[in-house]
Protein backbone atom coordinates (compact mmCIF):
# COMPACT_ATOMS: atom_id res chain seq x y z
CA MET A 1 62.31 77.51 70.87
CA ASN A 2 62.27 81.02 72.32
CA LEU A 3 61.18 82.68 75.56
CA GLN A 4 57.97 84.07 74.07
CA GLN A 5 56.86 80.59 73.03
CA ILE A 6 57.66 79.22 76.48
CA GLU A 7 55.77 82.03 78.22
CA THR A 8 52.79 81.56 75.91
CA PHE A 9 52.68 77.81 76.54
CA VAL A 10 52.94 78.26 80.33
CA HIS A 11 50.04 80.73 80.38
CA VAL A 12 47.83 78.48 78.23
CA ALA A 13 48.68 75.48 80.41
CA GLU A 14 48.03 77.33 83.67
CA THR A 15 44.74 78.91 82.58
CA GLY A 16 43.56 75.80 80.72
CA SER A 17 42.31 77.97 77.88
CA PHE A 18 43.69 79.74 74.79
CA SER A 19 41.11 82.54 75.15
CA LYS A 20 41.97 83.24 78.80
CA ALA A 21 45.70 83.21 78.06
CA ALA A 22 45.16 85.58 75.11
CA LEU A 23 43.39 88.07 77.40
CA LEU A 24 46.09 87.75 80.06
CA LEU A 25 48.93 88.28 77.58
CA ASP A 26 47.03 90.82 75.45
CA ILE A 27 47.75 88.75 72.32
CA ALA A 28 45.28 87.80 69.60
CA GLN A 29 44.16 84.20 70.07
CA PRO A 30 45.14 83.03 66.53
CA ALA A 31 48.69 84.35 67.02
CA LEU A 32 48.89 82.64 70.40
CA SER A 33 47.70 79.34 68.90
CA ARG A 34 50.33 79.60 66.15
CA GLN A 35 53.09 80.00 68.74
CA VAL A 36 52.03 76.85 70.56
CA ARG A 37 51.70 74.89 67.28
CA THR A 38 55.19 76.06 66.24
CA LEU A 39 56.53 74.87 69.58
CA GLU A 40 54.85 71.48 69.18
CA THR A 41 56.27 71.15 65.66
CA GLU A 42 59.79 72.02 66.79
CA LEU A 43 59.66 69.59 69.71
CA ARG A 44 57.81 66.95 67.66
CA GLU A 45 55.44 66.44 70.56
CA THR A 46 51.76 67.10 71.21
CA LEU A 47 51.73 69.33 74.28
CA LEU A 48 48.04 70.18 74.62
CA ILE A 49 44.83 68.36 73.86
CA ARG A 50 42.19 70.78 72.61
CA THR A 51 38.67 70.18 73.92
CA GLY A 52 35.41 72.07 73.69
CA ARG A 53 35.95 73.38 77.21
CA GLY A 54 39.63 74.36 76.93
CA VAL A 55 42.86 72.39 76.88
CA THR A 56 44.46 69.62 78.92
CA LEU A 57 48.15 68.73 79.15
CA THR A 58 49.68 65.63 77.67
CA ASP A 59 52.54 63.86 79.47
CA ALA A 60 54.99 65.80 77.28
CA GLY A 61 53.12 69.02 78.09
CA ARG A 62 53.38 68.40 81.83
CA ARG A 63 57.14 67.85 81.53
CA LEU A 64 57.57 71.02 79.47
CA LEU A 65 55.47 72.99 81.98
CA GLU A 66 57.96 72.06 84.73
CA HIS A 67 60.83 73.23 82.53
CA GLY A 68 58.85 76.35 81.59
CA HIS A 69 58.36 77.37 85.22
CA ALA A 70 62.08 76.91 85.87
CA ILE A 71 63.09 78.85 82.73
CA MET A 72 60.78 81.78 83.47
CA GLN A 73 61.93 81.87 87.06
CA ARG A 74 65.59 82.01 86.01
CA VAL A 75 64.87 84.80 83.52
CA ALA A 76 62.97 86.77 86.18
CA LEU A 77 65.83 86.29 88.64
CA ALA A 78 68.33 87.56 86.09
CA LYS A 79 66.28 90.71 85.50
CA GLU A 80 65.73 91.21 89.21
CA ASP A 81 69.42 90.75 89.97
CA LEU A 82 70.41 93.42 87.47
CA GLY A 83 67.57 95.71 88.53
CA SER A 84 68.45 95.31 92.20
CA GLN A 85 71.69 97.17 91.54
CA ARG A 86 69.51 100.21 90.84
CA ASP A 87 66.95 99.32 93.55
CA GLU A 88 64.39 99.29 90.75
CA PRO A 89 61.44 96.83 90.59
CA VAL A 90 61.90 94.85 87.39
CA GLY A 91 61.08 91.32 86.27
CA ARG A 92 57.83 89.39 86.74
CA ILE A 93 56.06 88.42 89.93
CA ILE A 94 53.21 85.95 90.52
CA VAL A 95 50.85 86.87 93.36
CA GLY A 96 48.24 84.56 94.87
CA LEU A 97 44.98 85.82 96.39
CA PRO A 98 42.35 83.87 98.35
CA PRO A 99 38.84 83.71 96.83
CA SER A 100 37.38 85.81 99.65
CA LEU A 101 39.66 88.73 98.69
CA ALA A 102 40.51 88.21 95.02
CA ARG A 103 37.59 90.14 93.57
CA ARG A 104 38.11 93.04 95.99
CA LEU A 105 41.88 93.38 95.63
CA THR A 106 42.72 92.45 92.03
CA LEU A 107 41.66 95.73 90.39
CA PRO A 108 43.40 98.08 92.87
CA LEU A 109 46.45 95.81 92.91
CA ILE A 110 46.88 95.88 89.14
CA ASP A 111 46.03 99.59 88.94
CA THR A 112 48.62 100.61 91.55
CA PHE A 113 51.23 98.10 90.36
CA SER A 114 51.08 99.34 86.76
CA ARG A 115 51.51 102.97 87.89
CA GLU A 116 54.26 102.44 90.46
CA MET A 117 56.24 99.62 88.80
CA PRO A 118 55.93 100.15 85.03
CA LYS A 119 59.03 98.06 84.21
CA ALA A 120 57.74 94.98 86.05
CA GLY A 121 55.17 92.35 85.15
CA LEU A 122 52.45 90.94 87.38
CA ALA A 123 50.35 87.77 87.26
CA VAL A 124 47.49 87.25 89.72
CA VAL A 125 46.34 83.73 90.61
CA GLU A 126 43.33 82.86 92.77
CA GLY A 127 43.54 79.86 95.06
CA PHE A 128 42.78 78.46 98.50
CA SER A 129 45.41 78.98 101.17
CA VAL A 130 46.43 75.32 101.43
CA ASN A 131 47.12 75.18 97.68
CA MET A 132 49.00 78.47 97.53
CA ALA A 133 51.35 77.40 100.33
CA GLU A 134 52.34 74.44 98.17
CA TRP A 135 52.77 76.65 95.08
CA LEU A 136 55.11 78.93 97.03
CA THR A 137 57.23 75.94 98.02
CA THR A 138 57.49 74.66 94.43
CA GLY A 139 58.28 78.09 92.97
CA ARG A 140 55.05 78.46 90.98
CA MET A 141 54.22 81.59 92.98
CA ASP A 142 56.26 84.41 94.53
CA LEU A 143 53.91 86.01 97.04
CA ALA A 144 50.51 85.04 98.44
CA LEU A 145 47.93 86.20 100.92
CA VAL A 146 46.95 83.14 102.95
CA TYR A 147 44.70 82.58 105.94
CA THR A 148 46.14 80.98 109.10
CA PRO A 149 48.87 79.00 107.29
CA GLU A 150 50.36 75.91 108.89
CA PRO A 151 54.10 76.25 109.61
CA GLN A 152 56.28 75.13 106.70
CA PRO A 153 60.09 75.23 106.69
CA HIS A 154 60.37 76.81 103.24
CA VAL A 155 57.63 79.45 103.58
CA GLU A 156 58.01 82.73 105.48
CA VAL A 157 54.82 84.36 106.76
CA THR A 158 54.10 87.85 108.08
CA PRO A 159 50.73 88.49 109.79
CA VAL A 160 48.82 91.35 108.16
CA LEU A 161 45.46 91.47 109.95
CA GLU A 162 42.98 89.35 111.87
CA GLU A 163 39.45 88.70 110.59
CA ARG A 164 36.55 87.15 112.45
CA LEU A 165 34.35 84.53 110.85
CA CYS A 166 30.72 85.56 110.52
CA LEU A 167 27.46 83.83 109.69
CA ILE A 168 26.24 85.17 106.35
CA GLY A 169 22.56 84.86 105.54
CA PRO A 170 19.53 86.81 104.30
CA ALA A 171 19.21 90.50 105.12
CA SER A 172 16.36 89.68 107.53
CA MET A 173 19.04 88.45 109.99
CA GLY A 174 20.46 91.96 110.19
CA GLN A 175 18.73 92.83 113.45
CA ARG A 176 20.86 90.27 115.32
CA MET A 177 24.10 91.53 116.86
CA SER A 178 25.79 88.11 116.98
CA VAL A 179 25.19 84.36 116.84
CA ARG A 180 26.53 81.89 119.39
CA PHE A 181 28.65 79.08 117.99
CA GLU A 182 26.40 76.44 119.56
CA GLU A 183 23.47 77.86 117.55
CA LEU A 184 25.16 77.02 114.24
CA SER A 185 23.81 73.46 114.34
CA ASP A 186 20.39 74.99 113.56
CA TYR A 187 21.62 76.51 110.30
CA PRO A 188 22.06 74.63 107.00
CA LEU A 189 25.60 75.56 105.95
CA ILE A 190 27.21 75.95 102.54
CA MET A 191 30.93 75.37 102.99
CA PRO A 192 34.04 74.64 100.90
CA GLN A 193 35.36 71.10 100.77
CA ARG A 194 37.40 69.74 103.66
CA GLY A 195 40.93 71.14 103.84
CA GLN A 196 40.00 74.77 103.16
CA ILE A 197 41.07 76.90 106.11
CA PHE A 198 37.70 78.41 107.08
CA ARG A 199 36.14 74.95 107.18
CA LYS A 200 39.07 73.57 109.19
CA LEU A 201 38.65 76.35 111.76
CA MET A 202 34.90 75.74 111.99
CA GLU A 203 35.25 71.96 112.31
CA ALA A 204 38.02 72.25 114.91
CA GLN A 205 35.84 74.49 117.07
CA ALA A 206 32.80 72.26 116.49
CA THR A 207 34.78 69.33 117.89
CA LEU A 208 35.84 71.33 120.96
CA SER A 209 32.32 72.67 121.54
CA GLN A 210 30.64 69.33 120.74
CA VAL A 211 28.49 71.01 118.11
CA LYS A 212 27.39 69.11 115.02
CA LEU A 213 27.59 71.33 111.92
CA ASN A 214 24.86 70.80 109.34
CA VAL A 215 26.75 71.04 106.03
CA VAL A 216 24.18 70.70 103.24
CA TRP A 217 26.28 71.81 100.25
CA GLU A 218 30.03 71.75 99.52
CA VAL A 219 31.15 74.41 97.04
CA SER A 220 34.78 75.42 96.49
CA SER A 221 34.06 78.94 95.25
CA VAL A 222 33.36 81.88 97.53
CA PRO A 223 31.35 83.89 94.93
CA ALA A 224 29.27 80.77 94.19
CA ILE A 225 28.69 80.20 97.93
CA LEU A 226 27.41 83.76 98.29
CA ASP A 227 25.16 83.35 95.24
CA LEU A 228 23.67 80.22 96.84
CA VAL A 229 23.10 82.07 100.11
CA ARG A 230 21.31 84.81 98.17
CA GLY A 231 19.25 82.09 96.49
CA GLY A 232 18.09 80.75 99.84
CA TYR A 233 20.01 77.46 99.76
CA GLY A 234 21.66 77.95 103.16
CA TYR A 235 24.10 80.04 105.18
CA ALA A 236 27.87 80.61 104.96
CA ALA A 237 30.66 81.04 107.50
CA LEU A 238 33.06 83.55 105.95
CA THR A 239 34.83 86.81 106.77
CA ALA A 240 33.13 90.17 106.36
CA SER A 241 35.62 91.05 103.60
CA ALA A 242 34.20 88.22 101.48
CA LEU A 243 30.76 89.78 101.62
CA SER A 244 32.03 93.32 101.03
CA SER A 245 33.28 92.31 97.57
CA LEU A 246 29.82 91.14 96.47
CA GLU A 247 28.02 93.41 94.01
CA HIS A 248 24.67 93.01 95.79
CA GLY A 249 26.07 92.57 99.29
CA ASP A 250 23.25 94.63 100.83
CA GLU A 251 20.92 91.68 100.15
CA LEU A 252 22.76 89.67 102.81
CA ALA A 253 23.55 90.12 106.49
CA CYS A 254 26.90 89.39 108.16
CA ILE A 255 26.58 88.39 111.83
CA PRO A 256 29.73 87.82 113.96
CA ILE A 257 30.06 84.33 115.46
CA GLU A 258 30.69 84.52 119.20
CA SER A 259 31.08 82.35 122.32
CA PRO A 260 33.61 81.51 121.12
CA GLY A 261 34.59 83.79 118.29
CA ILE A 262 36.64 82.31 115.47
CA VAL A 263 39.54 84.43 114.26
CA SER A 264 41.48 83.83 111.07
CA THR A 265 44.83 85.57 110.56
CA LEU A 266 45.55 86.87 107.07
CA CYS A 267 49.28 86.54 106.36
CA LEU A 268 51.61 87.57 103.59
CA ALA A 269 53.62 84.49 102.60
CA GLN A 270 56.67 84.02 100.38
CA SER A 271 59.22 81.34 99.67
CA ALA A 272 62.09 81.32 102.16
CA LYS A 273 64.37 80.06 99.40
CA LYS A 274 63.91 83.11 97.17
CA LYS A 275 66.17 86.12 97.42
CA SER A 276 64.41 89.32 98.44
CA THR A 277 64.38 91.80 95.54
CA PRO A 278 63.07 95.36 95.04
CA LEU A 279 60.10 93.87 93.16
CA ILE A 280 59.20 91.46 95.98
CA ARG A 281 59.63 94.15 98.64
CA ARG A 282 57.56 96.77 96.81
CA THR A 283 54.80 94.30 95.96
CA SER A 284 54.71 93.10 99.58
CA GLU A 285 54.26 96.67 100.80
CA LEU A 286 51.53 97.24 98.22
CA LEU A 287 49.62 94.10 99.26
CA ARG A 288 49.82 94.96 102.95
CA GLY A 289 48.52 98.46 102.31
CA LEU A 290 45.62 97.23 100.17
CA CYS A 291 44.63 94.64 102.80
CA LEU A 292 44.58 97.20 105.59
CA GLU A 293 42.63 99.65 103.44
CA ALA A 294 40.08 96.95 102.54
CA ALA A 295 39.67 96.08 106.23
CA VAL A 296 38.99 99.72 107.11
CA ARG A 297 36.28 99.93 104.44
CA VAL A 298 34.33 96.92 105.75
CA PRO A 299 31.12 98.40 107.22
CA LYS A 300 30.92 98.60 111.02
CA GLY A 301 29.11 95.60 112.48
CA ALA A 302 29.88 93.48 109.42
């Protein structure tokens, strides 16, 4: 067993696919498959069950994934500890992005990271805020951008910017300057499942305002929600930044919700148990800068 095999297995397990892991690691898929088979042979265990839609973990695979996360974390810490003596960003960092920002930030994040920190490695994971807070606590992630996180003893948060929730619908709504919260009961809404932060904020305010929200579809994917809005299946309550990342965003209108307005705070979160390193500090600065730049580029009135 060697570190390359462990890293390969972890990426396949996390992505649920040999092809996705091959793209992420820039390794030919047959070579990647051979590494995992060699690992299974050495351990005399079946780690992954191959299916037509990807792979699933066996019980042995789940146990090895826990060890794999711990091993990779220790290796990264060793590199970071040595690099910190030179104040140089080295090692590997896992960054989590919310679906409303992932498409907009991933390319500039990787582009700037590769130029400014050539000796470090970066993995980007997309997830809802409630899930990423848990991943930070368990060590599966190093940094994350999360919306309005609930206080947790082992997670440190730094507010980055505030974003208002807007009603997103067809472009014909564009002549409206705002929509009152009490009017939302008249709109069929497409929302994520319960527990996602934007829905929690909407439902909390609906309870206070005694407004009954008409949720017609539950979809846990922001790009899919926007596609459904474009298709005429309903309306969405998201931030303007979510719409600004859409390729055909001009086909939709983004109307601020008012009376009352609903504000979500985007925060940079990291594990309180992890030592601050040059890599974590530089990546934090990079994420904050990209978020503020993205906010500035959101069209006025959006």
